[in-house]
Each structure stands twice: as structure tokens, then as C-alpha cells.
N, C-alpha and C. Protein backbone atom coordinates (compact mmCIF):
# COMPACT_ATOMS: atom_id res chain seq x y z
N MET A 1 -4.57 -4.53 0.05
CA MET A 1 -3.16 -4.19 0.13
C MET A 1 -2.85 -2.92 -0.64
N LEU A 2 -3.84 -2.11 -0.86
CA LEU A 2 -3.64 -0.89 -1.63
C LEU A 2 -2.54 -0.01 -1.05
N LEU A 3 -2.59 0.24 0.24
CA LEU A 3 -1.58 1.10 0.84
C LEU A 3 -0.20 0.48 0.72
N SER A 4 -0.10 -0.83 0.92
CA SER A 4 1.21 -1.46 0.80
C SER A 4 1.68 -1.47 -0.65
N GLN A 5 0.75 -1.60 -1.61
CA GLN A 5 1.15 -1.53 -3.01
C GLN A 5 1.64 -0.14 -3.37
N LEU A 6 0.99 0.88 -2.83
CA LEU A 6 1.43 2.25 -3.07
C LEU A 6 2.82 2.45 -2.49
N PHE A 7 3.03 1.99 -1.26
CA PHE A 7 4.34 2.10 -0.62
C PHE A 7 5.38 1.34 -1.43
N HIS A 8 5.01 0.15 -1.90
CA HIS A 8 5.91 -0.66 -2.73
C HIS A 8 6.28 0.10 -4.00
N PHE A 9 5.28 0.69 -4.65
CA PHE A 9 5.52 1.40 -5.90
C PHE A 9 6.41 2.61 -5.67
N LEU A 10 6.14 3.37 -4.63
CA LEU A 10 6.92 4.58 -4.37
C LEU A 10 8.32 4.27 -3.86
N GLY A 11 8.44 3.24 -3.05
CA GLY A 11 9.71 2.96 -2.41
C GLY A 11 10.54 1.89 -3.08
N GLY A 12 9.95 1.17 -4.01
CA GLY A 12 10.69 0.12 -4.70
C GLY A 12 11.00 -1.07 -3.82
N THR A 13 10.29 -1.23 -2.72
CA THR A 13 10.52 -2.35 -1.82
C THR A 13 9.58 -3.49 -2.19
N SER A 14 9.77 -4.65 -1.59
CA SER A 14 8.91 -5.79 -1.89
C SER A 14 7.52 -5.57 -1.30
N LYS A 15 6.53 -6.21 -1.89
CA LYS A 15 5.16 -6.08 -1.38
C LYS A 15 5.06 -6.62 0.05
N PRO A 16 5.69 -7.78 0.37
CA PRO A 16 5.63 -8.24 1.76
C PRO A 16 6.28 -7.25 2.74
N ALA A 17 7.39 -6.65 2.36
CA ALA A 17 8.03 -5.65 3.24
C ALA A 17 7.14 -4.42 3.38
N ALA A 18 6.50 -4.03 2.29
CA ALA A 18 5.58 -2.90 2.34
C ALA A 18 4.39 -3.22 3.25
N ALA A 19 3.89 -4.45 3.16
CA ALA A 19 2.78 -4.87 4.02
C ALA A 19 3.19 -4.81 5.49
N ASP A 20 4.42 -5.23 5.79
CA ASP A 20 4.91 -5.14 7.17
C ASP A 20 4.93 -3.69 7.65
N TRP A 21 5.39 -2.79 6.79
CA TRP A 21 5.42 -1.37 7.15
C TRP A 21 4.01 -0.86 7.43
N VAL A 22 3.08 -1.21 6.54
CA VAL A 22 1.70 -0.76 6.69
C VAL A 22 1.11 -1.31 7.98
N MET A 23 1.37 -2.60 8.28
CA MET A 23 0.82 -3.19 9.50
C MET A 23 1.24 -2.40 10.74
N ASN A 24 2.47 -1.91 10.73
CA ASN A 24 2.96 -1.13 11.87
C ASN A 24 2.32 0.25 11.96
N GLN A 25 1.69 0.70 10.87
CA GLN A 25 1.03 2.01 10.86
C GLN A 25 -0.46 1.90 11.21
N LEU A 26 -0.99 0.69 11.09
CA LEU A 26 -2.43 0.49 11.31
C LEU A 26 -2.76 0.36 12.79
N PRO A 27 -3.95 0.80 13.18
CA PRO A 27 -4.42 0.48 14.52
C PRO A 27 -4.50 -1.04 14.68
N GLU A 28 -4.30 -1.51 15.87
CA GLU A 28 -4.26 -2.95 16.14
C GLU A 28 -5.49 -3.68 15.61
N ILE A 29 -6.64 -3.06 15.67
CA ILE A 29 -7.88 -3.69 15.23
C ILE A 29 -7.83 -4.09 13.76
N TYR A 30 -7.10 -3.32 12.91
CA TYR A 30 -7.06 -3.59 11.47
C TYR A 30 -5.87 -4.44 11.04
N GLN A 31 -4.95 -4.68 11.90
CA GLN A 31 -3.75 -5.43 11.52
C GLN A 31 -4.05 -6.83 10.98
N PRO A 32 -5.06 -7.54 11.49
CA PRO A 32 -5.36 -8.86 10.92
C PRO A 32 -5.71 -8.82 9.43
N VAL A 33 -6.31 -7.73 8.98
CA VAL A 33 -6.66 -7.61 7.56
C VAL A 33 -5.39 -7.58 6.71
N MET A 34 -4.43 -6.75 7.09
CA MET A 34 -3.19 -6.66 6.32
C MET A 34 -2.36 -7.93 6.47
N LYS A 35 -2.37 -8.52 7.65
CA LYS A 35 -1.64 -9.77 7.86
C LYS A 35 -2.17 -10.86 6.94
N ARG A 36 -3.50 -10.94 6.82
CA ARG A 36 -4.11 -11.93 5.94
C ARG A 36 -3.75 -11.65 4.48
N ALA A 37 -3.84 -10.39 4.08
CA ALA A 37 -3.52 -10.02 2.71
C ALA A 37 -2.08 -10.39 2.38
N LYS A 38 -1.16 -10.14 3.30
CA LYS A 38 0.24 -10.49 3.09
C LYS A 38 0.41 -12.00 2.98
N SER A 39 -0.23 -12.73 3.88
CA SER A 39 -0.12 -14.19 3.87
C SER A 39 -0.64 -14.79 2.57
N ILE A 40 -1.72 -14.22 2.06
CA ILE A 40 -2.26 -14.67 0.77
C ILE A 40 -1.29 -14.31 -0.35
N CYS A 41 -0.76 -13.09 -0.31
CA CYS A 41 0.17 -12.61 -1.34
C CYS A 41 1.41 -13.49 -1.46
N ILE A 42 1.94 -13.94 -0.32
CA ILE A 42 3.18 -14.74 -0.35
C ILE A 42 2.90 -16.24 -0.41
N GLY A 43 1.63 -16.62 -0.49
CA GLY A 43 1.27 -18.02 -0.68
C GLY A 43 1.24 -18.86 0.58
N VAL A 44 1.23 -18.24 1.74
CA VAL A 44 1.18 -18.98 3.00
C VAL A 44 -0.24 -19.44 3.32
N GLU A 45 -1.22 -18.64 2.90
CA GLU A 45 -2.63 -18.97 3.15
C GLU A 45 -3.41 -18.89 1.85
N ASN A 46 -4.48 -19.69 1.80
CA ASN A 46 -5.43 -19.57 0.70
C ASN A 46 -6.31 -18.36 0.97
N GLU A 47 -6.88 -17.83 -0.09
CA GLU A 47 -7.70 -16.63 0.07
C GLU A 47 -9.02 -16.96 0.75
N TYR A 48 -9.22 -16.40 1.90
CA TYR A 48 -10.49 -16.46 2.61
C TYR A 48 -10.56 -15.26 3.54
N TRP A 49 -11.75 -14.70 3.66
CA TRP A 49 -11.93 -13.46 4.42
C TRP A 49 -13.11 -13.52 5.38
N GLU A 50 -13.84 -14.61 5.35
CA GLU A 50 -15.09 -14.68 6.10
C GLU A 50 -14.91 -14.37 7.59
N ASP A 51 -13.82 -14.82 8.19
CA ASP A 51 -13.63 -14.65 9.63
C ASP A 51 -13.31 -13.20 10.03
N ILE A 52 -12.84 -12.39 9.09
CA ILE A 52 -12.52 -10.99 9.40
C ILE A 52 -13.27 -10.03 8.46
N GLU A 53 -14.29 -10.54 7.83
CA GLU A 53 -15.04 -9.76 6.84
C GLU A 53 -15.57 -8.44 7.40
N VAL A 54 -15.96 -8.43 8.67
CA VAL A 54 -16.53 -7.20 9.26
C VAL A 54 -15.49 -6.09 9.38
N LEU A 55 -14.20 -6.41 9.30
CA LEU A 55 -13.14 -5.41 9.42
C LEU A 55 -12.69 -4.82 8.09
N ILE A 56 -12.99 -5.50 7.00
CA ILE A 56 -12.40 -5.15 5.71
C ILE A 56 -12.77 -3.74 5.26
N LYS A 57 -14.04 -3.40 5.23
CA LYS A 57 -14.44 -2.07 4.74
C LYS A 57 -13.91 -0.96 5.63
N SER A 58 -14.02 -1.11 6.94
CA SER A 58 -13.53 -0.05 7.82
C SER A 58 -12.01 0.08 7.74
N CYS A 59 -11.31 -1.03 7.53
CA CYS A 59 -9.85 -0.97 7.35
C CYS A 59 -9.51 -0.25 6.04
N ALA A 60 -10.21 -0.60 4.98
CA ALA A 60 -9.98 0.05 3.68
C ALA A 60 -10.29 1.55 3.77
N ASP A 61 -11.38 1.89 4.46
CA ASP A 61 -11.73 3.30 4.63
C ASP A 61 -10.65 4.04 5.43
N PHE A 62 -10.14 3.41 6.47
CA PHE A 62 -9.09 4.01 7.28
C PHE A 62 -7.85 4.29 6.43
N MET A 63 -7.45 3.28 5.63
CA MET A 63 -6.25 3.44 4.79
C MET A 63 -6.48 4.50 3.72
N ALA A 64 -7.66 4.51 3.11
CA ALA A 64 -7.95 5.53 2.09
C ALA A 64 -7.92 6.93 2.70
N ASP A 65 -8.45 7.06 3.91
CA ASP A 65 -8.41 8.36 4.59
C ASP A 65 -6.98 8.81 4.84
N LYS A 66 -6.11 7.89 5.24
CA LYS A 66 -4.71 8.23 5.49
C LYS A 66 -4.01 8.65 4.20
N ILE A 67 -4.30 7.94 3.11
CA ILE A 67 -3.72 8.31 1.81
C ILE A 67 -4.21 9.70 1.41
N ASN A 68 -5.51 9.94 1.55
CA ASN A 68 -6.07 11.25 1.18
C ASN A 68 -5.52 12.37 2.05
N GLU A 69 -5.26 12.09 3.32
CA GLU A 69 -4.64 13.10 4.20
C GLU A 69 -3.27 13.49 3.66
N GLN A 70 -2.49 12.49 3.24
CA GLN A 70 -1.16 12.77 2.71
C GLN A 70 -1.24 13.53 1.39
N ILE A 71 -2.19 13.16 0.55
CA ILE A 71 -2.37 13.86 -0.73
C ILE A 71 -2.72 15.32 -0.48
N SER A 72 -3.54 15.57 0.54
CA SER A 72 -3.96 16.95 0.82
C SER A 72 -2.79 17.82 1.27
N LEU A 73 -1.70 17.22 1.70
CA LEU A 73 -0.54 17.98 2.15
C LEU A 73 0.37 18.41 1.00
N VAL A 74 0.13 17.86 -0.19
CA VAL A 74 0.96 18.19 -1.35
C VAL A 74 0.55 19.55 -1.88
N ASN A 75 1.52 20.43 -2.05
CA ASN A 75 1.28 21.75 -2.61
C ASN A 75 1.62 21.68 -4.10
N PHE A 76 0.60 21.65 -4.93
CA PHE A 76 0.81 21.51 -6.36
C PHE A 76 1.37 22.76 -7.01
N ASP A 77 1.45 23.85 -6.26
CA ASP A 77 2.05 25.08 -6.77
C ASP A 77 3.57 25.09 -6.61
N GLU A 78 4.11 24.10 -5.92
CA GLU A 78 5.55 24.00 -5.73
C GLU A 78 6.04 22.70 -6.38
N PRO A 79 6.38 22.74 -7.68
CA PRO A 79 6.75 21.53 -8.42
C PRO A 79 7.90 20.76 -7.80
N ASP A 80 8.82 21.45 -7.12
CA ASP A 80 9.95 20.74 -6.52
C ASP A 80 9.55 19.96 -5.27
N LYS A 81 8.32 20.13 -4.80
CA LYS A 81 7.85 19.42 -3.61
C LYS A 81 6.90 18.28 -3.97
N LEU A 82 6.66 18.06 -5.25
CA LEU A 82 5.76 16.99 -5.67
C LEU A 82 6.44 15.64 -5.54
N ILE A 83 5.63 14.61 -5.39
CA ILE A 83 6.14 13.25 -5.34
C ILE A 83 6.41 12.80 -6.77
N LYS A 84 7.62 12.33 -7.03
CA LYS A 84 7.94 11.81 -8.35
C LYS A 84 7.81 10.29 -8.31
N LEU A 85 6.98 9.77 -9.20
CA LEU A 85 6.80 8.33 -9.26
C LEU A 85 7.86 7.67 -10.13
N ALA A 86 8.42 8.41 -11.06
CA ALA A 86 9.45 7.86 -11.93
C ALA A 86 10.24 9.01 -12.53
N GLU A 87 11.47 8.74 -12.83
CA GLU A 87 12.28 9.74 -13.52
C GLU A 87 11.93 9.70 -15.00
N GLU A 88 11.97 10.81 -15.65
CA GLU A 88 11.71 10.87 -17.09
C GLU A 88 12.96 10.45 -17.84
N PRO A 89 12.90 9.81 -18.97
CA PRO A 89 11.69 9.22 -19.53
C PRO A 89 11.36 7.92 -18.81
N PHE A 90 10.07 7.66 -18.64
CA PHE A 90 9.59 6.46 -17.98
C PHE A 90 9.66 5.30 -18.96
N SER A 91 10.29 4.24 -18.55
CA SER A 91 10.40 3.06 -19.41
C SER A 91 9.11 2.25 -19.36
N ARG A 92 8.61 1.90 -20.51
CA ARG A 92 7.41 1.05 -20.57
C ARG A 92 7.79 -0.42 -20.68
N ASP A 93 9.07 -0.72 -20.65
CA ASP A 93 9.53 -2.10 -20.72
C ASP A 93 9.26 -2.79 -19.39
N PRO A 94 8.32 -3.77 -19.34
CA PRO A 94 7.96 -4.40 -18.07
C PRO A 94 9.12 -5.14 -17.41
N SER A 95 10.12 -5.54 -18.17
CA SER A 95 11.25 -6.26 -17.58
C SER A 95 12.10 -5.35 -16.71
N LEU A 96 11.95 -4.03 -16.85
CA LEU A 96 12.74 -3.09 -16.06
C LEU A 96 12.04 -2.66 -14.78
N ARG A 97 10.81 -3.11 -14.59
CA ARG A 97 10.05 -2.73 -13.40
C ARG A 97 10.24 -3.75 -12.30
N SER A 98 10.27 -3.29 -11.06
CA SER A 98 10.33 -4.21 -9.93
C SER A 98 8.91 -4.58 -9.54
N GLU A 99 8.68 -5.83 -9.23
CA GLU A 99 7.34 -6.30 -8.83
C GLU A 99 7.38 -6.77 -7.42
């Protein structure tokens, strides 16, 4: 659920909602991987991967490639175009963070 966690962190949305967004971005072949991860995350299913194990690495590679493609589009010479993860000062108080 790395991509959905990143989306959750950047967008402040729930992890299940982020997983839904990611599922809609994935090729159909990889959607069962994210669907399973979401179901485990929300407690609908127990953790098991044996039936879709052959898809996990290629799905993770696909998502990592998409993340890296987006990172490559960032121009670090233009500070106003960078992605801000938090406004300064960043609070270290865990009660103020959305999970």
C-alpha cells in the first residue's frame, strides 16, 4: 500500500480512500493486490497473499516506477514548484497528525 500511503500522506485522506484512488490508477491485472491490501487494512480480511503472490513484486515495481516518474518531473531549481509535505513549523505532536 505504499502508493496509497503516499497519497494519504500528501492528500490527508483516509488510507482506504487512498487505496480506492490507487486501484483506479492501476492496470486491471494489479488491482487484486491493492484490493487485498485495503481489505486487510480495514479488517475485512485476514492477511494472506498466497493466491496472488505472483502479482505482488510486479505490482510493487509498477507502482515504484510510477512514483519515480512523478519524482523525475519535479524541478528542484524552482522552489515554488516543489511538493510541500507540511507547512513550517512541522508539529511533532502525534495527536495532531491524521492517520
